[in-house]
Structures are given as C-alpha cells and as structure tokens.
Amino acid sequence: MILKGNAWIFGEDINTDLIIPARYLNTRDPQELARHCMEDADPNFVEKLQPGDFIVAGKNFGCGSSREHAPISLKAAGISGIIAVSFARIFFRNAMNLGLPIWECPEAAEAIQNGDWLIVDANKGSIELPDKGEVYQAAPLPDFIQELISHGGLVNYVRQKMGKPPLENMNA
C-alpha cells in the first residue's frame, strides 16, 4: 500500500479534544465529525486539507479521552495516515481498529516540515520525502493490520469473514 500526500505538522501532546472537540461528540456521523476535525488546533485545517494528506506530530499524539470519534474524524476528513514520535496507546488501538494507518518514527516526525510531500510505503514502512531526497524507516504495518485497513477497519473485516456486506459508514 503506497500513500501519498502533503504533511500537516502538529506539536506534542495533541489530545483527542484537539482532534475532535467534545462539543461535537453528539454525533457519530463521519462526515459531520470530519467538518470539525482539528478545528481547535487550526480553525481552517479542513479547508486546507487535501484527500491523502498526512498529519505529522510529536510525542503522545491522541492522548486524553478514549474516543473513537478522533480517528473517525481524521479518516473521514481524508487523512491517509499519521506519523508521530509516539502515540497514546488507546488512540493507537482505536486508529488500527478503525483502519487509519499510523507510524511511530521519531526521525521522520522531527525532519518533516509543513507542506512536505510524502510517499509512505506501508508494506516496507518507508517514509520518503522525495523533494529532499530523504527516506526514513518506520516499522512496516503487519500484514493483519494492512488487511484491517484494506477492509476499512475491524468491524468490516469481521463482517467480510462472516460473509456479510461492509457497513457504509465504517469506510470513513
């Protein structure tokens, strides 16, 4: 799986309230959540974002409340993946379960600048900055995680194994 997009830089300790403010937690509609993704960190973020772009952050991305709304909003907004120095464990788990790829790679997270064009190979774990001639190595996503992502997350993966159709709102 090859992913390409521009980098959007956020700092350390980006909590779930910054990812999706609590005032929008009265819905689970992915498109509604996407409209408010990261708005308390950058009010114009969604307007600038292009489908396929990446978030790049410091340590402890996704800390705070355990809410699936955070990775749902990021994925529905068009984020193809997140690269960070580290992730809060519950966010890490929620992202994988919802089919949002994430990579811990401190070297890449520290080198990437806002607007850098990235090419990420999930199979190899490589994070390339072609305009700078740099390549960083993260752990590749395990095959079973790549399979979860290809199905849109854990729920649709299980539904497929049971011979049932995917849920439409689970792909965002």
N, C-alpha and C. Protein backbone atom coordinates (compact mmCIF):
# COMPACT_ATOMS: atom_id res chain seq x y z
N MET A 1 0.85 -1.17 0.00
CA MET A 1 0.00 0.00 0.00
C MET A 1 0.91 1.24 0.00
N ILE A 2 0.80 2.03 -1.05
CA ILE A 2 1.57 3.27 -1.18
C ILE A 2 0.61 4.44 -0.96
N LEU A 3 0.97 5.33 -0.04
CA LEU A 3 0.16 6.50 0.27
C LEU A 3 0.98 7.75 -0.05
N LYS A 4 0.31 8.76 -0.62
CA LYS A 4 0.99 10.00 -1.00
C LYS A 4 0.16 11.19 -0.57
N GLY A 5 0.86 12.22 -0.06
CA GLY A 5 0.16 13.44 0.32
C GLY A 5 1.09 14.42 0.99
N ASN A 6 0.56 15.59 1.28
CA ASN A 6 1.31 16.64 1.96
C ASN A 6 1.25 16.45 3.47
N ALA A 7 2.25 16.97 4.14
CA ALA A 7 2.34 16.88 5.59
C ALA A 7 1.74 18.11 6.25
N TRP A 8 0.99 17.87 7.32
CA TRP A 8 0.47 18.93 8.18
C TRP A 8 1.06 18.69 9.55
N ILE A 9 1.78 19.66 10.07
CA ILE A 9 2.54 19.50 11.31
C ILE A 9 1.74 19.98 12.51
N PHE A 10 1.72 19.14 13.53
CA PHE A 10 1.14 19.49 14.82
C PHE A 10 2.17 19.12 15.88
N GLY A 11 2.06 19.69 17.04
CA GLY A 11 3.07 19.53 18.08
C GLY A 11 2.92 18.27 18.92
N GLU A 12 3.36 18.39 20.14
CA GLU A 12 3.31 17.28 21.09
C GLU A 12 2.01 17.31 21.88
N ASP A 13 1.67 16.15 22.43
CA ASP A 13 0.51 16.01 23.32
C ASP A 13 -0.79 16.53 22.68
N ILE A 14 -0.98 16.23 21.41
CA ILE A 14 -2.24 16.58 20.74
C ILE A 14 -3.30 15.61 21.26
N ASN A 15 -4.21 16.16 22.07
CA ASN A 15 -5.19 15.27 22.70
C ASN A 15 -6.45 15.12 21.85
N THR A 16 -7.29 14.21 22.25
CA THR A 16 -8.49 13.91 21.46
C THR A 16 -9.46 15.09 21.43
N ASP A 17 -9.39 15.99 22.42
CA ASP A 17 -10.23 17.19 22.38
C ASP A 17 -9.76 18.15 21.30
N LEU A 18 -8.47 18.15 20.98
CA LEU A 18 -7.98 18.97 19.87
C LEU A 18 -8.31 18.31 18.53
N ILE A 19 -8.27 16.99 18.49
CA ILE A 19 -8.57 16.27 17.25
C ILE A 19 -10.03 16.44 16.88
N ILE A 20 -10.93 16.21 17.83
CA ILE A 20 -12.36 16.46 17.62
C ILE A 20 -12.92 17.02 18.92
N PRO A 21 -13.23 18.31 18.95
CA PRO A 21 -13.70 18.93 20.18
C PRO A 21 -14.95 18.24 20.75
N ALA A 22 -15.01 18.19 22.07
CA ALA A 22 -16.08 17.48 22.77
C ALA A 22 -17.47 17.99 22.40
N ARG A 23 -17.58 19.25 21.99
CA ARG A 23 -18.90 19.80 21.64
C ARG A 23 -19.52 19.11 20.42
N TYR A 24 -18.73 18.32 19.68
CA TYR A 24 -19.25 17.62 18.50
C TYR A 24 -19.45 16.12 18.74
N LEU A 25 -19.35 15.69 19.97
CA LEU A 25 -19.46 14.27 20.25
C LEU A 25 -20.89 13.76 20.33
N ASN A 26 -21.85 14.61 20.00
CA ASN A 26 -23.24 14.17 19.99
C ASN A 26 -23.60 13.47 18.68
N THR A 27 -22.63 13.28 17.81
CA THR A 27 -22.86 12.56 16.55
C THR A 27 -21.75 11.54 16.33
N ARG A 28 -22.06 10.50 15.59
CA ARG A 28 -21.05 9.54 15.14
C ARG A 28 -20.96 9.55 13.62
N ASP A 29 -21.65 10.50 12.99
CA ASP A 29 -21.63 10.61 11.54
C ASP A 29 -20.23 11.04 11.09
N PRO A 30 -19.53 10.19 10.35
CA PRO A 30 -18.15 10.51 9.97
C PRO A 30 -18.00 11.83 9.22
N GLN A 31 -18.92 12.15 8.33
CA GLN A 31 -18.79 13.40 7.55
C GLN A 31 -19.00 14.63 8.42
N GLU A 32 -19.90 14.54 9.38
CA GLU A 32 -20.10 15.66 10.31
C GLU A 32 -18.86 15.84 11.20
N LEU A 33 -18.32 14.74 11.69
CA LEU A 33 -17.09 14.82 12.50
C LEU A 33 -15.94 15.38 11.68
N ALA A 34 -15.84 14.98 10.42
CA ALA A 34 -14.76 15.44 9.54
C ALA A 34 -14.77 16.97 9.39
N ARG A 35 -15.95 17.57 9.37
CA ARG A 35 -16.05 19.02 9.21
C ARG A 35 -15.40 19.79 10.36
N HIS A 36 -15.23 19.12 11.50
CA HIS A 36 -14.71 19.80 12.69
C HIS A 36 -13.36 19.25 13.14
N CYS A 37 -12.78 18.40 12.32
CA CYS A 37 -11.50 17.77 12.64
C CYS A 37 -10.41 18.81 12.85
N MET A 38 -9.75 18.76 13.97
CA MET A 38 -8.60 19.61 14.32
C MET A 38 -8.94 21.10 14.39
N GLU A 39 -10.22 21.47 14.46
CA GLU A 39 -10.56 22.88 14.37
C GLU A 39 -10.09 23.70 15.57
N ASP A 40 -9.93 23.10 16.74
CA ASP A 40 -9.43 23.88 17.88
C ASP A 40 -7.91 24.05 17.81
N ALA A 41 -7.23 23.21 17.06
CA ALA A 41 -5.78 23.36 16.85
C ALA A 41 -5.50 24.28 15.67
N ASP A 42 -6.35 24.19 14.63
CA ASP A 42 -6.21 25.02 13.44
C ASP A 42 -7.61 25.19 12.84
N PRO A 43 -8.26 26.34 13.08
CA PRO A 43 -9.65 26.52 12.64
C PRO A 43 -9.89 26.32 11.14
N ASN A 44 -8.86 26.48 10.32
CA ASN A 44 -9.02 26.34 8.87
C ASN A 44 -8.44 25.04 8.33
N PHE A 45 -8.12 24.12 9.20
CA PHE A 45 -7.44 22.89 8.79
C PHE A 45 -8.21 22.13 7.71
N VAL A 46 -9.48 21.88 7.92
CA VAL A 46 -10.25 21.06 6.98
C VAL A 46 -10.35 21.73 5.62
N GLU A 47 -10.39 23.06 5.59
CA GLU A 47 -10.47 23.78 4.31
C GLU A 47 -9.18 23.66 3.52
N LYS A 48 -8.04 23.53 4.20
CA LYS A 48 -6.74 23.44 3.54
C LYS A 48 -6.37 22.01 3.17
N LEU A 49 -6.91 21.06 3.87
CA LEU A 49 -6.58 19.65 3.72
C LEU A 49 -6.98 19.11 2.35
N GLN A 50 -6.12 18.29 1.77
CA GLN A 50 -6.43 17.59 0.52
C GLN A 50 -6.54 16.09 0.84
N PRO A 51 -7.44 15.37 0.19
CA PRO A 51 -7.52 13.93 0.43
C PRO A 51 -6.16 13.26 0.22
N GLY A 52 -5.77 12.43 1.18
CA GLY A 52 -4.50 11.74 1.09
C GLY A 52 -3.40 12.37 1.93
N ASP A 53 -3.63 13.56 2.45
CA ASP A 53 -2.62 14.24 3.25
C ASP A 53 -2.35 13.48 4.55
N PHE A 54 -1.24 13.83 5.18
CA PHE A 54 -0.79 13.21 6.42
C PHE A 54 -0.75 14.23 7.55
N ILE A 55 -0.94 13.75 8.76
CA ILE A 55 -0.63 14.54 9.94
C ILE A 55 0.70 14.02 10.46
N VAL A 56 1.57 14.94 10.84
CA VAL A 56 2.86 14.60 11.43
C VAL A 56 2.92 15.33 12.76
N ALA A 57 3.27 14.60 13.82
CA ALA A 57 3.21 15.19 15.15
C ALA A 57 4.35 14.71 16.03
N GLY A 58 4.45 15.35 17.18
CA GLY A 58 5.45 14.99 18.17
C GLY A 58 5.02 13.79 19.00
N LYS A 59 5.42 13.80 20.24
CA LYS A 59 5.13 12.66 21.11
C LYS A 59 3.69 12.71 21.63
N ASN A 60 3.16 11.54 21.94
CA ASN A 60 1.89 11.38 22.65
C ASN A 60 0.67 11.86 21.86
N PHE A 61 0.68 11.66 20.54
CA PHE A 61 -0.47 12.06 19.72
C PHE A 61 -1.68 11.21 20.13
N GLY A 62 -2.82 11.86 20.32
CA GLY A 62 -4.06 11.15 20.64
C GLY A 62 -4.25 10.89 22.12
N CYS A 63 -3.52 11.60 22.97
CA CYS A 63 -3.69 11.41 24.40
C CYS A 63 -5.05 11.96 24.83
N GLY A 64 -5.43 11.70 26.06
CA GLY A 64 -6.69 12.21 26.58
C GLY A 64 -7.77 11.15 26.57
N SER A 65 -8.98 11.59 26.37
CA SER A 65 -10.13 10.69 26.44
C SER A 65 -10.06 9.62 25.37
N SER A 66 -10.54 8.46 25.74
CA SER A 66 -10.61 7.35 24.79
C SER A 66 -11.89 7.49 23.99
N ARG A 67 -11.77 8.04 22.80
CA ARG A 67 -12.95 8.20 21.97
C ARG A 67 -12.63 7.82 20.53
N GLU A 68 -13.48 6.98 19.97
CA GLU A 68 -13.32 6.58 18.58
C GLU A 68 -13.58 7.75 17.63
N HIS A 69 -14.27 8.77 18.11
CA HIS A 69 -14.58 9.92 17.27
C HIS A 69 -13.31 10.55 16.67
N ALA A 70 -12.19 10.50 17.43
CA ALA A 70 -10.96 11.15 16.97
C ALA A 70 -10.43 10.51 15.68
N PRO A 71 -10.14 9.21 15.66
CA PRO A 71 -9.66 8.64 14.39
C PRO A 71 -10.74 8.63 13.31
N ILE A 72 -12.00 8.53 13.69
CA ILE A 72 -13.07 8.58 12.68
C ILE A 72 -13.04 9.94 11.98
N SER A 73 -12.90 11.03 12.75
CA SER A 73 -12.91 12.36 12.15
C SER A 73 -11.71 12.56 11.22
N LEU A 74 -10.55 12.07 11.64
CA LEU A 74 -9.34 12.20 10.81
C LEU A 74 -9.48 11.43 9.50
N LYS A 75 -9.93 10.20 9.62
CA LYS A 75 -10.08 9.36 8.42
C LYS A 75 -11.13 9.93 7.47
N ALA A 76 -12.26 10.35 8.03
CA ALA A 76 -13.34 10.89 7.20
C ALA A 76 -12.94 12.21 6.55
N ALA A 77 -12.05 12.96 7.19
CA ALA A 77 -11.58 14.23 6.62
C ALA A 77 -10.63 14.00 5.44
N GLY A 78 -10.12 12.79 5.30
CA GLY A 78 -9.25 12.48 4.17
C GLY A 78 -7.80 12.23 4.54
N ILE A 79 -7.49 12.23 5.83
CA ILE A 79 -6.12 11.93 6.26
C ILE A 79 -5.80 10.49 5.90
N SER A 80 -4.68 10.28 5.19
CA SER A 80 -4.33 8.91 4.80
C SER A 80 -3.50 8.20 5.85
N GLY A 81 -2.91 8.96 6.77
CA GLY A 81 -2.13 8.35 7.83
C GLY A 81 -1.52 9.40 8.73
N ILE A 82 -0.97 8.93 9.84
CA ILE A 82 -0.35 9.82 10.81
C ILE A 82 1.04 9.28 11.14
N ILE A 83 2.00 10.18 11.15
CA ILE A 83 3.37 9.87 11.54
C ILE A 83 3.66 10.69 12.78
N ALA A 84 4.13 10.05 13.84
CA ALA A 84 4.41 10.78 15.07
C ALA A 84 5.60 10.18 15.79
N VAL A 85 6.12 10.94 16.72
CA VAL A 85 7.19 10.42 17.58
C VAL A 85 6.63 9.27 18.40
N SER A 86 5.41 9.45 18.95
CA SER A 86 4.73 8.38 19.68
C SER A 86 3.24 8.67 19.74
N PHE A 87 2.47 7.64 20.05
CA PHE A 87 1.02 7.73 20.15
C PHE A 87 0.56 7.29 21.53
N ALA A 88 -0.53 7.88 21.99
CA ALA A 88 -1.19 7.36 23.18
C ALA A 88 -1.70 5.97 22.83
N ARG A 89 -1.56 5.03 23.74
CA ARG A 89 -1.89 3.64 23.44
C ARG A 89 -3.34 3.44 22.99
N ILE A 90 -4.29 4.10 23.65
CA ILE A 90 -5.69 3.88 23.28
C ILE A 90 -5.99 4.47 21.90
N PHE A 91 -5.37 5.59 21.56
CA PHE A 91 -5.54 6.14 20.22
C PHE A 91 -4.94 5.19 19.19
N PHE A 92 -3.76 4.65 19.49
CA PHE A 92 -3.11 3.70 18.60
C PHE A 92 -4.07 2.55 18.29
N ARG A 93 -4.67 1.99 19.33
CA ARG A 93 -5.59 0.86 19.16
C ARG A 93 -6.84 1.26 18.39
N ASN A 94 -7.42 2.41 18.75
CA ASN A 94 -8.62 2.88 18.04
C ASN A 94 -8.33 3.13 16.56
N ALA A 95 -7.18 3.72 16.26
CA ALA A 95 -6.84 4.00 14.87
C ALA A 95 -6.75 2.70 14.07
N MET A 96 -6.06 1.71 14.62
CA MET A 96 -5.94 0.43 13.92
C MET A 96 -7.30 -0.23 13.73
N ASN A 97 -8.12 -0.22 14.79
CA ASN A 97 -9.44 -0.84 14.71
C ASN A 97 -10.34 -0.16 13.69
N LEU A 98 -10.11 1.12 13.45
CA LEU A 98 -10.93 1.87 12.50
C LEU A 98 -10.30 1.98 11.12
N GLY A 99 -9.12 1.38 10.94
CA GLY A 99 -8.50 1.34 9.63
C GLY A 99 -7.73 2.60 9.25
N LEU A 100 -7.23 3.34 10.25
CA LEU A 100 -6.43 4.53 9.99
C LEU A 100 -4.96 4.18 10.25
N PRO A 101 -4.12 4.14 9.21
CA PRO A 101 -2.72 3.76 9.41
C PRO A 101 -1.92 4.83 10.15
N ILE A 102 -1.09 4.38 11.07
CA ILE A 102 -0.23 5.27 11.83
C ILE A 102 1.15 4.64 11.97
N TRP A 103 2.17 5.51 12.04
CA TRP A 103 3.54 5.04 12.17
C TRP A 103 4.25 5.85 13.23
N GLU A 104 4.97 5.17 14.11
CA GLU A 104 5.87 5.84 15.04
C GLU A 104 7.24 5.87 14.38
N CYS A 105 7.74 7.08 14.15
CA CYS A 105 9.06 7.25 13.55
C CYS A 105 9.59 8.62 13.97
N PRO A 106 10.27 8.66 15.13
CA PRO A 106 10.76 9.94 15.64
C PRO A 106 11.63 10.71 14.64
N GLU A 107 12.49 10.02 13.92
CA GLU A 107 13.39 10.69 12.98
C GLU A 107 12.60 11.40 11.88
N ALA A 108 11.61 10.72 11.32
CA ALA A 108 10.79 11.33 10.27
C ALA A 108 9.95 12.47 10.83
N ALA A 109 9.34 12.24 11.98
CA ALA A 109 8.48 13.27 12.58
C ALA A 109 9.25 14.55 12.86
N GLU A 110 10.50 14.41 13.22
CA GLU A 110 11.32 15.59 13.51
C GLU A 110 11.85 16.26 12.25
N ALA A 111 12.02 15.51 11.17
CA ALA A 111 12.58 16.05 9.93
C ALA A 111 11.54 16.67 9.00
N ILE A 112 10.33 16.15 9.03
CA ILE A 112 9.29 16.60 8.10
C ILE A 112 8.82 18.00 8.49
N GLN A 113 8.63 18.83 7.47
CA GLN A 113 8.14 20.19 7.68
C GLN A 113 6.76 20.34 7.04
N ASN A 114 6.04 21.33 7.51
CA ASN A 114 4.70 21.59 7.00
C ASN A 114 4.74 21.74 5.48
N GLY A 115 3.87 21.02 4.79
CA GLY A 115 3.79 21.10 3.34
C GLY A 115 4.68 20.13 2.59
N ASP A 116 5.59 19.44 3.28
CA ASP A 116 6.43 18.46 2.59
C ASP A 116 5.56 17.40 1.93
N TRP A 117 5.96 16.99 0.73
CA TRP A 117 5.29 15.91 0.00
C TRP A 117 5.87 14.59 0.52
N LEU A 118 4.99 13.67 0.91
CA LEU A 118 5.41 12.39 1.46
C LEU A 118 4.91 11.24 0.61
N ILE A 119 5.74 10.20 0.54
CA ILE A 119 5.34 8.93 -0.06
C ILE A 119 5.63 7.87 1.00
N VAL A 120 4.57 7.22 1.47
CA VAL A 120 4.72 6.22 2.52
C VAL A 120 4.36 4.86 1.95
N ASP A 121 5.28 3.91 2.11
CA ASP A 121 5.05 2.53 1.71
C ASP A 121 4.75 1.74 2.98
N ALA A 122 3.47 1.43 3.18
CA ALA A 122 3.05 0.72 4.40
C ALA A 122 3.64 -0.68 4.47
N ASN A 123 3.86 -1.31 3.32
CA ASN A 123 4.43 -2.65 3.30
C ASN A 123 5.86 -2.66 3.82
N LYS A 124 6.61 -1.63 3.47
CA LYS A 124 8.02 -1.56 3.86
C LYS A 124 8.26 -0.67 5.07
N GLY A 125 7.31 0.21 5.38
CA GLY A 125 7.49 1.15 6.48
C GLY A 125 8.35 2.33 6.11
N SER A 126 8.56 2.55 4.82
CA SER A 126 9.42 3.67 4.41
C SER A 126 8.60 4.95 4.28
N ILE A 127 9.21 6.03 4.72
CA ILE A 127 8.62 7.36 4.66
C ILE A 127 9.58 8.21 3.84
N GLU A 128 9.17 8.54 2.63
CA GLU A 128 10.06 9.24 1.71
C GLU A 128 9.65 10.70 1.56
N LEU A 129 10.63 11.56 1.58
CA LEU A 129 10.47 12.97 1.25
C LEU A 129 11.20 13.18 -0.06
N PRO A 130 10.55 12.93 -1.20
CA PRO A 130 11.26 12.93 -2.48
C PRO A 130 11.88 14.28 -2.84
N ASP A 131 11.25 15.37 -2.44
CA ASP A 131 11.80 16.69 -2.78
C ASP A 131 13.10 16.99 -2.03
N LYS A 132 13.33 16.29 -0.93
CA LYS A 132 14.54 16.48 -0.13
C LYS A 132 15.53 15.32 -0.30
N GLY A 133 15.10 14.26 -1.01
CA GLY A 133 15.96 13.09 -1.18
C GLY A 133 16.19 12.33 0.10
N GLU A 134 15.23 12.35 1.01
CA GLU A 134 15.37 11.68 2.30
C GLU A 134 14.37 10.53 2.41
N VAL A 135 14.80 9.46 3.08
CA VAL A 135 13.93 8.32 3.37
C VAL A 135 14.15 7.93 4.82
N TYR A 136 13.05 7.72 5.52
CA TYR A 136 13.09 7.31 6.92
C TYR A 136 12.42 5.95 7.04
N GLN A 137 12.81 5.21 8.04
CA GLN A 137 12.29 3.85 8.20
C GLN A 137 11.49 3.72 9.49
N ALA A 138 10.22 3.43 9.34
CA ALA A 138 9.34 3.07 10.45
C ALA A 138 9.11 1.57 10.37
N ALA A 139 8.56 1.01 11.39
CA ALA A 139 8.19 -0.40 11.33
C ALA A 139 7.08 -0.56 10.30
N PRO A 140 7.20 -1.53 9.40
CA PRO A 140 6.11 -1.74 8.45
C PRO A 140 4.85 -2.21 9.18
N LEU A 141 3.70 -1.86 8.63
CA LEU A 141 2.47 -2.34 9.23
C LEU A 141 2.38 -3.84 9.02
N PRO A 142 2.10 -4.60 10.08
CA PRO A 142 1.97 -6.05 9.92
C PRO A 142 0.87 -6.40 8.91
N ASP A 143 1.00 -7.56 8.30
CA ASP A 143 0.03 -7.98 7.28
C ASP A 143 -1.41 -7.92 7.79
N PHE A 144 -1.65 -8.38 9.03
CA PHE A 144 -3.02 -8.41 9.52
C PHE A 144 -3.56 -6.98 9.72
N ILE A 145 -2.71 -6.03 10.07
CA ILE A 145 -3.15 -4.63 10.19
C ILE A 145 -3.45 -4.07 8.80
N GLN A 146 -2.61 -4.40 7.83
CA GLN A 146 -2.88 -3.94 6.47
C GLN A 146 -4.21 -4.51 5.96
N GLU A 147 -4.50 -5.74 6.36
CA GLU A 147 -5.78 -6.33 5.96
C GLU A 147 -6.95 -5.60 6.63
N LEU A 148 -6.81 -5.25 7.91
CA LEU A 148 -7.85 -4.46 8.59
C LEU A 148 -8.07 -3.14 7.86
N ILE A 149 -6.98 -2.47 7.52
CA ILE A 149 -7.06 -1.18 6.84
C ILE A 149 -7.74 -1.33 5.48
N SER A 150 -7.38 -2.37 4.74
CA SER A 150 -7.96 -2.56 3.41
C SER A 150 -9.47 -2.81 3.47
N HIS A 151 -9.96 -3.32 4.60
CA HIS A 151 -11.39 -3.54 4.77
C HIS A 151 -12.10 -2.34 5.41
N GLY A 152 -11.34 -1.33 5.78
CA GLY A 152 -11.95 -0.16 6.41
C GLY A 152 -12.04 -0.25 7.91
N GLY A 153 -11.38 -1.23 8.50
CA GLY A 153 -11.37 -1.37 9.95
C GLY A 153 -11.81 -2.75 10.40
N LEU A 154 -11.76 -2.95 11.71
CA LEU A 154 -12.03 -4.25 12.32
C LEU A 154 -13.46 -4.74 12.08
N VAL A 155 -14.45 -3.85 12.21
CA VAL A 155 -15.84 -4.27 12.04
C VAL A 155 -16.08 -4.82 10.64
N ASN A 156 -15.62 -4.11 9.63
CA ASN A 156 -15.84 -4.59 8.26
C ASN A 156 -14.99 -5.82 7.95
N TYR A 157 -13.84 -5.93 8.56
CA TYR A 157 -13.02 -7.14 8.41
C TYR A 157 -13.79 -8.35 8.92
N VAL A 158 -14.36 -8.22 10.11
CA VAL A 158 -15.13 -9.33 10.70
C VAL A 158 -16.38 -9.61 9.86
N ARG A 159 -17.05 -8.56 9.42
CA ARG A 159 -18.24 -8.76 8.58
C ARG A 159 -17.88 -9.53 7.30
N GLN A 160 -16.75 -9.20 6.70
CA GLN A 160 -16.32 -9.90 5.49
C GLN A 160 -16.07 -11.37 5.80
N LYS A 161 -15.43 -11.65 6.92
CA LYS A 161 -15.15 -13.05 7.30
C LYS A 161 -16.44 -13.82 7.55
N MET A 162 -17.49 -13.10 7.96
CA MET A 162 -18.79 -13.74 8.21
C MET A 162 -19.65 -13.79 6.95
N GLY A 163 -19.13 -13.27 5.84
CA GLY A 163 -19.88 -13.28 4.59
C GLY A 163 -20.95 -12.20 4.51
N LYS A 164 -20.81 -11.15 5.30
CA LYS A 164 -21.78 -10.06 5.31
C LYS A 164 -21.20 -8.85 4.58
N PRO A 165 -22.07 -7.99 4.04
CA PRO A 165 -21.56 -6.79 3.34
C PRO A 165 -20.98 -5.79 4.33
N PRO A 166 -20.07 -4.94 3.86
CA PRO A 166 -19.48 -3.92 4.75
C PRO A 166 -20.52 -2.87 5.14
N LEU A 167 -20.30 -2.26 6.28
CA LEU A 167 -21.12 -1.13 6.69
C LEU A 167 -20.60 0.11 5.99
N GLU A 168 -21.47 0.88 5.40
CA GLU A 168 -21.04 2.04 4.62
C GLU A 168 -20.32 3.08 5.46
N ASN A 169 -20.80 3.40 6.64
CA ASN A 169 -20.18 4.45 7.46
C ASN A 169 -18.88 4.01 8.08
N MET A 170 -18.51 2.76 7.96
CA MET A 170 -17.24 2.30 8.55
C MET A 170 -16.07 2.58 7.63
N ASN A 171 -16.32 2.95 6.39
CA ASN A 171 -15.20 3.20 5.48
C ASN A 171 -14.68 4.62 5.58
N ALA A 172 -15.29 5.44 6.39
CA ALA A 172 -14.80 6.81 6.55
C ALA A 172 -14.13 6.96 7.89
